[in-house]
Protein backbone atom coordinates (compact mmCIF):
# COMPACT_ATOMS: atom_id res chain seq x y z
CA MET A 1 115.31 132.42 109.11
CA ARG A 2 113.74 128.15 107.77
CA LYS A 3 116.55 127.57 106.45
CA LEU A 4 118.56 128.03 109.62
CA ALA A 5 115.96 126.16 111.87
CA GLY A 6 115.84 123.44 109.55
CA SER A 7 119.30 123.34 109.17
CA LEU A 8 119.12 123.20 113.28
CA VAL A 9 117.07 120.36 113.57
CA VAL A 10 118.41 117.67 110.88
CA LEU A 11 121.83 119.01 112.78
CA LEU A 12 119.47 117.57 116.21
CA LEU A 13 118.33 114.35 114.49
CA ILE A 14 122.08 113.58 113.48
CA SER A 15 123.83 113.93 116.64
CA LEU A 16 120.68 111.79 118.84
CA PRO A 17 122.98 108.53 118.58
CA ALA A 18 125.77 110.05 119.24
CA PHE A 19 124.02 111.28 122.97
CA ALA A 20 122.41 107.71 123.28
CA GLN A 21 126.08 106.19 123.28
CA HIS A 22 126.79 108.30 126.86
CA GLY A 23 124.03 107.95 128.31
CA SER A 24 124.32 106.56 132.10
CA HIS A 25 121.79 104.00 133.34
CA GLY A 26 122.68 102.87 136.49
CA MET A 27 124.98 100.37 136.12
CA GLY A 28 127.23 101.97 133.44
CA GLY A 29 127.25 100.32 130.37
CA ALA A 30 126.11 102.35 126.74
CA GLY A 31 129.37 104.16 127.14
CA HIS A 32 129.92 105.26 129.89
CA ILE A 33 133.39 105.36 131.11
CA PRO A 34 134.86 104.62 134.67
CA ALA A 35 136.97 107.52 136.20
CA HIS A 36 139.21 105.44 137.94
CA GLY A 37 139.34 102.01 138.77
CA PRO A 38 138.19 100.04 141.60
CA SER A 39 140.07 100.74 144.96
CA PRO A 40 141.72 98.29 146.88
CA ALA A 41 140.28 95.80 149.14
CA ARG A 42 140.61 96.29 152.18
CA ALA A 43 142.46 93.15 154.76
CA GLY A 44 140.49 91.14 156.58
CA HIS A 45 137.16 92.05 154.65
CA PRO A 46 136.63 89.49 151.90
CA ALA A 47 133.90 90.13 148.99
CA PRO A 48 130.99 88.22 149.87
CA ALA A 49 130.45 85.78 147.00
CA PRO A 50 128.47 86.42 144.12
CA GLY A 51 124.82 85.74 145.43
CA PRO A 52 122.20 83.24 143.83
CA ARG A 53 121.73 85.55 140.58
CA GLY A 54 125.44 85.79 140.21
CA PHE A 55 127.03 88.92 140.05
CA ALA A 56 123.47 90.60 138.19
CA ASP A 57 123.03 92.60 141.58
CA LYS A 58 119.58 94.51 140.65
CA ASN A 59 117.24 93.77 137.98
CA GLY A 60 118.94 94.24 134.46
CA HIS A 61 122.24 94.13 135.55
CA PRO A 62 124.72 91.63 134.15
CA ASN A 63 125.78 88.52 134.98
CA ALA A 64 129.04 89.88 135.02
CA PRO A 65 131.89 91.74 137.33
CA HIS A 66 130.30 95.57 135.97
CA VAL A 67 130.41 99.48 136.91
CA HIS A 68 128.01 101.55 138.20
CA SER A 69 127.53 104.78 136.81
CA ASN A 70 128.65 106.35 140.83
CA GLY A 71 132.24 104.21 140.09
CA GLN A 72 131.61 101.49 142.01
CA TRP A 73 133.35 97.99 140.80
CA ILE A 74 130.71 95.14 141.35
CA GLY A 75 132.75 91.59 141.15
CA HIS A 76 135.84 93.51 142.31
CA GLY A 77 136.87 93.02 146.11
CA THR A 78 138.60 89.44 146.74
CA GLY A 79 141.88 91.00 147.98
CA ARG A 80 144.85 90.06 146.93
CA ASP A 81 145.10 86.43 148.01
CA ASP A 82 142.39 85.45 145.74
CA VAL A 83 144.03 82.40 143.99
CA HIS A 84 141.91 82.82 140.94
CA TYR A 85 144.27 85.80 140.25
CA HIS A 86 147.46 84.14 141.50
CA ILE A 87 150.07 84.61 138.81
CA ASP A 88 153.58 83.24 139.42
CA HIS A 89 155.64 85.42 137.36
CA PRO A 90 153.57 88.57 137.60
CA TRP A 91 154.57 90.54 134.80
CA ALA A 92 156.97 88.26 132.83
CA HIS A 93 156.16 90.17 130.08
CA GLY A 94 156.68 93.25 130.94
CA HIS A 95 154.09 96.39 131.87
CA PHE A 96 151.74 98.04 129.70
CA THR A 97 152.44 101.76 128.65
CA GLY A 98 149.37 102.71 126.58
CA GLY A 99 147.51 104.09 128.76
CA PHE A 100 145.58 104.16 131.98
CA GLY A 101 141.60 104.95 132.39
CA ARG A 102 138.96 106.83 130.72
CA GLY A 103 141.03 109.03 128.52
CA HIS A 104 142.83 105.98 126.42
CA VAL A 105 139.65 104.08 125.25
CA PHE A 106 140.79 101.06 122.88
CA HIS A 107 139.27 99.51 119.50
CA LEU A 108 139.31 95.64 119.67
CA GLY A 109 141.41 94.95 116.70
CA GLY A 110 140.80 91.14 116.62
CA GLY A 111 141.60 88.13 118.22
CA GLY A 112 139.71 86.08 121.13
CA PRO A 113 139.66 85.65 124.66
CA GLU A 114 143.25 83.45 125.07
CA ARG A 115 144.68 86.62 122.64
CA PHE A 116 143.57 89.84 121.57
CA GLY A 117 144.97 93.06 120.72
CA PHE A 118 144.93 96.77 120.00
CA GLY A 119 147.19 99.12 118.85
CA GLY A 120 150.23 96.21 118.99
CA PHE A 121 149.63 96.07 122.11
CA TYR A 122 148.14 92.33 123.04
CA PHE A 123 146.69 90.91 126.07
CA SER A 124 144.80 87.69 127.38
CA VAL A 125 141.58 87.32 129.22
CA ALA A 126 142.09 85.28 133.01
CA PRO A 127 140.97 81.34 132.50
CA TYR A 128 138.45 82.83 135.87
CA ASP A 129 137.01 85.11 133.43
CA ILE A 130 136.90 84.06 130.22
CA GLY A 131 132.87 83.10 130.71
CA PHE A 132 132.48 86.95 131.24
CA CYS A 133 133.35 87.50 127.92
CA ASN A 134 130.96 86.05 125.86
CA ASP A 135 129.27 88.60 124.82
CA TRP A 136 132.34 90.98 123.69
CA LEU A 137 133.18 91.64 120.00
CA TRP A 138 136.69 90.83 119.32
CA ASP A 139 136.78 93.05 116.63
CA GLY A 140 135.25 96.09 117.25
CA ASP A 141 134.32 96.74 120.92
CA ASP A 142 136.03 99.87 122.74
CA ILE A 143 137.99 98.77 125.79
CA VAL A 144 139.39 100.76 128.44
CA ILE A 145 142.58 99.23 130.22
CA TYR A 146 142.77 99.76 134.33
CA GLU A 147 145.73 98.52 136.73
CA ASP A 148 144.16 96.23 139.21
CA PRO A 149 145.30 97.26 142.95
CA ASP A 150 144.80 94.21 144.24
CA HIS A 151 146.34 91.14 142.09
CA ASP A 152 149.82 91.37 140.66
CA GLY A 153 149.89 91.02 137.29
CA TRP A 154 146.85 91.93 136.57
CA TYR A 155 144.80 94.21 134.60
CA LEU A 156 140.84 95.34 133.77
CA ALA A 157 139.79 95.46 130.37
CA TYR A 158 136.68 97.48 130.65
CA ASN A 159 133.88 97.02 127.88
CA VAL A 160 132.81 100.30 127.19
CA ARG A 161 129.43 99.14 125.15
CA LEU A 162 128.47 96.45 127.78
CA GLY A 163 129.81 98.21 131.25
CA THR A 164 131.38 94.95 132.03
CA TYR A 165 134.78 93.44 132.74
CA VAL A 166 137.66 90.82 133.20
CA HIS A 167 140.66 90.38 134.39
CA VAL A 168 143.49 90.13 131.71
CA GLU A 169 147.57 89.62 131.60
CA TYR A 170 149.32 91.72 129.73
CA LEU A 171 151.47 89.57 126.76
CA GLY A 172 153.64 92.45 125.83
CA ALA A 173 153.79 94.73 122.10
């Protein structure tokens, strides 16, 4: 009986780091993966500009677009007319077909904001968003891709480790 109890204690200690990675801390991050992407912005209701603290809407939140554990996408609501995300030829390289949302987690395989990839798919971060991914690990972070309901030609790449996201353009396979 002691041997069984000892084995259970060892198993519990080994599994603690895995449980810690999937905790939820209000803003997401630490393994939290949103169930779905953002809702389309309501027409005629542009999102307010980032405040004096930028996107850090609460103490301890990143100064980058991020997702709260309740599914609220902070920083995504400027609507279809946001000039920062205009593309003359949306989806010029085709549409991403690797899967969207929580059930499709991809491991970054190298590169950087200008061109990064995983599983034979390649993307580029929107020029306006490059400053929001300075702390991404391009050869190690897990990301999830979501469709952008407002900006034709863009997808949203959510960094599971950080709980932040950026707009990305699909470059092809």
